[in-house]
Every structure is written in structure tokens, then in C-alpha cells.
Amino acid sequence: MRMHNPPHPGEILGDLWLEPLGLTVTEAAKALNVSRKTISGIVNGRVSISAEMALRLELAFGKSAESWLAHQANYDLWRLQKHAANLGVPHLASAAA
């Protein structure tokens, strides 16, 4: 497996669902009723999981839409935390104390 910590939900989709089930990106896209480009973008970490996609994944694979969205939120937050210092936001709780 090639997973990051935390993994992009596309890594989870590819490594834990598509590969074990022997599904290609094209087959998964057809089953989910979306374009091949959409699934390819997700699996390759270039596209985020939307609420609608999370529901499609729940219907297809049984893993809850909430868990797909939580994976996406954890990944997004992890990426943003690397740049927190660049946001220019002071810690207000310390200033008020």
C-alpha cells in the first residue's frame, strides 16, 4: 500500500476497495454513475470527495457516507495544518487571558 497519514480518501478507495474487488477505475465509474475522469481524479488524490460522491460510495460499498467525508476532512485539515503559520491568525485565547 502507498497510503499517507492520513490518507486521501482516494487512496482508501483504490487500495481497500477497488484493488481487492478487482475493479478498474472505468468499472467503478460506471457502477457509481460518474465519469471515469472523476474516479481517476479521486483515486489519484487530485479530486476531493463531495457529499454526493460520499453517498454514492456508501451505496456501492457499504461504508458510510459520513466516514468518507470524515476521511476527506482529516486529509484536508492535515494538509492545511502545514501552512497554519502563514494564515496570519493570532491565538486570541492567549491575548484575552
N, C-alpha and C. Protein backbone atom coordinates (compact mmCIF):
# COMPACT_ATOMS: atom_id res chain seq x y z
N MET A 1 0.84 -1.19 0.00
CA MET A 1 0.00 0.00 0.00
C MET A 1 0.87 1.24 0.00
N ARG A 2 0.33 2.31 -0.54
CA ARG A 2 1.06 3.55 -0.68
C ARG A 2 0.44 4.67 0.16
N MET A 3 -0.26 4.34 1.21
CA MET A 3 -1.05 5.32 1.94
C MET A 3 -0.21 6.33 2.71
N HIS A 4 -0.72 7.56 2.72
CA HIS A 4 -0.16 8.63 3.51
C HIS A 4 -0.85 8.62 4.87
N ASN A 5 -0.43 9.49 5.75
CA ASN A 5 -1.03 9.54 7.07
C ASN A 5 -1.47 10.96 7.36
N PRO A 6 -2.73 11.31 7.34
CA PRO A 6 -3.84 10.45 6.98
C PRO A 6 -3.95 10.30 5.46
N PRO A 7 -4.52 9.22 5.02
CA PRO A 7 -4.62 9.01 3.57
C PRO A 7 -5.72 9.85 2.94
N HIS A 8 -5.51 10.21 1.69
CA HIS A 8 -6.58 10.81 0.90
C HIS A 8 -7.64 9.71 0.72
N PRO A 9 -8.92 10.04 0.75
CA PRO A 9 -9.94 9.01 0.60
C PRO A 9 -9.81 8.23 -0.71
N GLY A 10 -9.21 8.82 -1.71
CA GLY A 10 -8.98 8.11 -2.97
C GLY A 10 -8.02 6.95 -2.81
N GLU A 11 -7.04 7.11 -1.91
CA GLU A 11 -6.12 6.01 -1.62
C GLU A 11 -6.88 4.85 -0.98
N ILE A 12 -7.78 5.20 -0.08
CA ILE A 12 -8.60 4.17 0.57
C ILE A 12 -9.48 3.48 -0.46
N LEU A 13 -10.11 4.27 -1.31
CA LEU A 13 -10.96 3.70 -2.35
C LEU A 13 -10.18 2.74 -3.24
N GLY A 14 -9.03 3.16 -3.70
CA GLY A 14 -8.24 2.32 -4.59
C GLY A 14 -7.65 1.10 -3.92
N ASP A 15 -6.99 1.32 -2.78
CA ASP A 15 -6.25 0.24 -2.13
C ASP A 15 -7.12 -0.74 -1.35
N LEU A 16 -8.21 -0.24 -0.76
CA LEU A 16 -9.02 -1.11 0.10
C LEU A 16 -10.33 -1.58 -0.53
N TRP A 17 -10.72 -0.97 -1.65
CA TRP A 17 -11.97 -1.36 -2.29
C TRP A 17 -11.77 -1.81 -3.73
N LEU A 18 -11.24 -0.93 -4.57
CA LEU A 18 -11.14 -1.29 -5.99
C LEU A 18 -10.19 -2.45 -6.24
N GLU A 19 -8.97 -2.36 -5.72
CA GLU A 19 -7.99 -3.44 -5.96
C GLU A 19 -8.48 -4.79 -5.43
N PRO A 20 -8.90 -4.88 -4.16
CA PRO A 20 -9.36 -6.19 -3.66
C PRO A 20 -10.56 -6.76 -4.42
N LEU A 21 -11.43 -5.88 -4.92
CA LEU A 21 -12.60 -6.34 -5.65
C LEU A 21 -12.30 -6.56 -7.14
N GLY A 22 -11.08 -6.23 -7.54
CA GLY A 22 -10.71 -6.40 -8.94
C GLY A 22 -11.41 -5.44 -9.89
N LEU A 23 -11.78 -4.27 -9.37
CA LEU A 23 -12.48 -3.28 -10.18
C LEU A 23 -11.50 -2.28 -10.78
N THR A 24 -11.68 -1.97 -12.03
CA THR A 24 -10.90 -0.91 -12.66
C THR A 24 -11.57 0.43 -12.36
N VAL A 25 -10.85 1.50 -12.62
CA VAL A 25 -11.43 2.84 -12.46
C VAL A 25 -12.65 2.98 -13.38
N THR A 26 -12.55 2.48 -14.58
CA THR A 26 -13.66 2.55 -15.53
C THR A 26 -14.89 1.80 -15.02
N GLU A 27 -14.68 0.61 -14.49
CA GLU A 27 -15.80 -0.19 -13.96
C GLU A 27 -16.43 0.49 -12.75
N ALA A 28 -15.59 1.04 -11.88
CA ALA A 28 -16.10 1.73 -10.69
C ALA A 28 -16.90 2.96 -11.11
N ALA A 29 -16.40 3.72 -12.08
CA ALA A 29 -17.10 4.91 -12.54
C ALA A 29 -18.47 4.55 -13.10
N LYS A 30 -18.51 3.48 -13.87
CA LYS A 30 -19.78 3.04 -14.44
C LYS A 30 -20.76 2.64 -13.34
N ALA A 31 -20.29 1.89 -12.36
CA ALA A 31 -21.15 1.46 -11.25
C ALA A 31 -21.65 2.63 -10.42
N LEU A 32 -20.80 3.65 -10.26
CA LEU A 32 -21.17 4.81 -9.46
C LEU A 32 -21.93 5.86 -10.28
N ASN A 33 -22.05 5.61 -11.59
CA ASN A 33 -22.76 6.51 -12.50
C ASN A 33 -22.13 7.90 -12.54
N VAL A 34 -20.78 7.90 -12.63
CA VAL A 34 -20.00 9.13 -12.77
C VAL A 34 -18.97 8.91 -13.87
N SER A 35 -18.26 9.96 -14.23
CA SER A 35 -17.26 9.83 -15.29
C SER A 35 -16.01 9.11 -14.79
N ARG A 36 -15.32 8.51 -15.73
CA ARG A 36 -14.05 7.86 -15.42
C ARG A 36 -13.06 8.90 -14.89
N LYS A 37 -13.10 10.10 -15.45
CA LYS A 37 -12.22 11.19 -15.03
C LYS A 37 -12.42 11.52 -13.55
N THR A 38 -13.66 11.50 -13.10
CA THR A 38 -13.96 11.79 -11.70
C THR A 38 -13.32 10.76 -10.78
N ILE A 39 -13.52 9.48 -11.06
CA ILE A 39 -12.97 8.43 -10.21
C ILE A 39 -11.45 8.41 -10.29
N SER A 40 -10.91 8.60 -11.47
CA SER A 40 -9.45 8.67 -11.61
C SER A 40 -8.88 9.80 -10.77
N GLY A 41 -9.53 10.97 -10.80
CA GLY A 41 -9.08 12.11 -10.01
C GLY A 41 -9.12 11.83 -8.52
N ILE A 42 -10.16 11.14 -8.08
CA ILE A 42 -10.27 10.79 -6.65
C ILE A 42 -9.18 9.79 -6.28
N VAL A 43 -9.07 8.71 -7.04
CA VAL A 43 -8.09 7.66 -6.72
C VAL A 43 -6.66 8.21 -6.73
N ASN A 44 -6.40 9.19 -7.59
CA ASN A 44 -5.06 9.77 -7.68
C ASN A 44 -4.87 10.98 -6.77
N GLY A 45 -5.85 11.25 -5.89
CA GLY A 45 -5.72 12.31 -4.90
C GLY A 45 -5.82 13.72 -5.44
N ARG A 46 -6.35 13.89 -6.64
CA ARG A 46 -6.48 15.22 -7.24
C ARG A 46 -7.87 15.82 -7.05
N VAL A 47 -8.83 14.99 -6.68
CA VAL A 47 -10.22 15.43 -6.53
C VAL A 47 -10.70 15.03 -5.14
N SER A 48 -11.40 15.96 -4.49
CA SER A 48 -11.95 15.69 -3.16
C SER A 48 -13.26 14.93 -3.26
N ILE A 49 -13.59 14.26 -2.17
CA ILE A 49 -14.86 13.54 -2.06
C ILE A 49 -15.94 14.55 -1.66
N SER A 50 -16.96 14.70 -2.47
CA SER A 50 -18.10 15.57 -2.14
C SER A 50 -19.12 14.76 -1.35
N ALA A 51 -20.10 15.45 -0.81
CA ALA A 51 -21.18 14.76 -0.09
C ALA A 51 -21.91 13.80 -1.03
N GLU A 52 -22.15 14.23 -2.26
CA GLU A 52 -22.83 13.35 -3.21
C GLU A 52 -21.99 12.12 -3.52
N MET A 53 -20.69 12.30 -3.72
CA MET A 53 -19.83 11.15 -4.00
C MET A 53 -19.76 10.23 -2.79
N ALA A 54 -19.72 10.82 -1.61
CA ALA A 54 -19.70 10.00 -0.39
C ALA A 54 -20.94 9.11 -0.33
N LEU A 55 -22.08 9.66 -0.69
CA LEU A 55 -23.31 8.86 -0.69
C LEU A 55 -23.26 7.78 -1.77
N ARG A 56 -22.74 8.10 -2.94
CA ARG A 56 -22.60 7.09 -4.00
C ARG A 56 -21.69 5.95 -3.51
N LEU A 57 -20.59 6.31 -2.84
CA LEU A 57 -19.67 5.29 -2.34
C LEU A 57 -20.32 4.43 -1.25
N GLU A 58 -21.13 5.07 -0.40
CA GLU A 58 -21.86 4.31 0.62
C GLU A 58 -22.79 3.30 -0.03
N LEU A 59 -23.54 3.75 -1.04
CA LEU A 59 -24.48 2.86 -1.71
C LEU A 59 -23.77 1.69 -2.40
N ALA A 60 -22.60 1.97 -2.96
CA ALA A 60 -21.87 0.94 -3.70
C ALA A 60 -21.09 -0.01 -2.80
N PHE A 61 -20.44 0.52 -1.76
CA PHE A 61 -19.51 -0.29 -0.99
C PHE A 61 -19.93 -0.54 0.46
N GLY A 62 -20.96 0.17 0.93
CA GLY A 62 -21.46 -0.10 2.27
C GLY A 62 -20.80 0.72 3.37
N LYS A 63 -19.67 1.34 3.10
CA LYS A 63 -19.01 2.18 4.11
C LYS A 63 -19.76 3.51 4.15
N SER A 64 -20.10 4.00 5.34
CA SER A 64 -20.98 5.16 5.45
C SER A 64 -20.45 6.42 4.77
N ALA A 65 -21.39 7.20 4.28
CA ALA A 65 -21.04 8.48 3.66
C ALA A 65 -20.30 9.36 4.66
N GLU A 66 -20.72 9.32 5.91
CA GLU A 66 -20.05 10.11 6.95
C GLU A 66 -18.58 9.73 7.10
N SER A 67 -18.28 8.45 6.98
CA SER A 67 -16.88 8.04 7.12
C SER A 67 -16.05 8.51 5.93
N TRP A 68 -16.62 8.49 4.72
CA TRP A 68 -15.90 9.01 3.56
C TRP A 68 -15.63 10.49 3.72
N LEU A 69 -16.63 11.23 4.20
CA LEU A 69 -16.45 12.67 4.41
C LEU A 69 -15.47 12.96 5.53
N ALA A 70 -15.47 12.13 6.57
CA ALA A 70 -14.51 12.31 7.66
C ALA A 70 -13.08 12.08 7.17
N HIS A 71 -12.88 11.08 6.32
CA HIS A 71 -11.55 10.86 5.73
C HIS A 71 -11.11 12.09 4.94
N GLN A 72 -12.04 12.66 4.17
CA GLN A 72 -11.70 13.84 3.37
C GLN A 72 -11.35 15.02 4.27
N ALA A 73 -12.16 15.24 5.32
CA ALA A 73 -11.92 16.35 6.24
C ALA A 73 -10.58 16.18 6.96
N ASN A 74 -10.27 14.97 7.40
CA ASN A 74 -8.99 14.72 8.08
C ASN A 74 -7.82 14.99 7.16
N TYR A 75 -7.93 14.55 5.92
CA TYR A 75 -6.86 14.77 4.94
C TYR A 75 -6.70 16.27 4.65
N ASP A 76 -7.81 16.97 4.44
CA ASP A 76 -7.76 18.40 4.14
C ASP A 76 -7.15 19.18 5.29
N LEU A 77 -7.56 18.87 6.52
CA LEU A 77 -7.03 19.56 7.70
C LEU A 77 -5.54 19.28 7.86
N TRP A 78 -5.13 18.05 7.66
CA TRP A 78 -3.71 17.68 7.75
C TRP A 78 -2.88 18.51 6.77
N ARG A 79 -3.38 18.66 5.54
CA ARG A 79 -2.65 19.45 4.54
C ARG A 79 -2.60 20.92 4.94
N LEU A 80 -3.69 21.46 5.47
CA LEU A 80 -3.74 22.88 5.85
C LEU A 80 -2.87 23.18 7.07
N GLN A 81 -2.79 22.25 8.01
CA GLN A 81 -2.03 22.50 9.23
C GLN A 81 -0.56 22.78 8.95
N LYS A 82 -0.05 22.29 7.85
CA LYS A 82 1.34 22.56 7.48
C LYS A 82 1.56 24.05 7.21
N HIS A 83 0.49 24.75 6.86
CA HIS A 83 0.57 26.16 6.48
C HIS A 83 -0.13 27.08 7.48
N ALA A 84 -0.41 26.59 8.66
CA ALA A 84 -1.16 27.37 9.66
C ALA A 84 -0.45 28.69 9.99
N ALA A 85 0.86 28.68 10.07
CA ALA A 85 1.60 29.89 10.42
C ALA A 85 1.44 30.98 9.36
N ASN A 86 1.16 30.58 8.13
CA ASN A 86 1.02 31.55 7.04
C ASN A 86 -0.37 32.20 6.98
N LEU A 87 -1.28 31.75 7.82
CA LEU A 87 -2.64 32.30 7.78
C LEU A 87 -2.74 33.67 8.46
N GLY A 88 -1.78 34.00 9.31
CA GLY A 88 -1.77 35.30 9.96
C GLY A 88 -2.87 35.48 10.99
N VAL A 89 -3.25 34.41 11.65
CA VAL A 89 -4.31 34.48 12.66
C VAL A 89 -3.68 34.36 14.03
N PRO A 90 -3.90 35.38 14.91
CA PRO A 90 -3.33 35.31 16.26
C PRO A 90 -4.13 34.36 17.14
N HIS A 91 -3.50 33.85 18.16
CA HIS A 91 -4.17 32.99 19.14
C HIS A 91 -4.87 33.91 20.14
N LEU A 92 -6.16 34.09 20.00
CA LEU A 92 -6.91 35.06 20.80
C LEU A 92 -7.08 34.65 22.25
N ALA A 93 -7.14 33.37 22.53
CA ALA A 93 -7.33 32.93 23.91
C ALA A 93 -6.16 33.40 24.77
N SER A 94 -4.96 33.40 24.25
CA SER A 94 -3.78 33.84 24.99
C SER A 94 -3.84 35.35 25.22
N ALA A 95 -4.34 36.10 24.26
CA ALA A 95 -4.40 37.56 24.38
C ALA A 95 -5.45 37.98 25.41
N ALA A 96 -6.51 37.19 25.56
CA ALA A 96 -7.59 37.54 26.48
C ALA A 96 -7.27 37.16 27.93
N ALA A 97 -6.33 36.26 28.11
CA ALA A 97 -6.05 35.76 29.47
C ALA A 97 -5.29 36.74 30.32
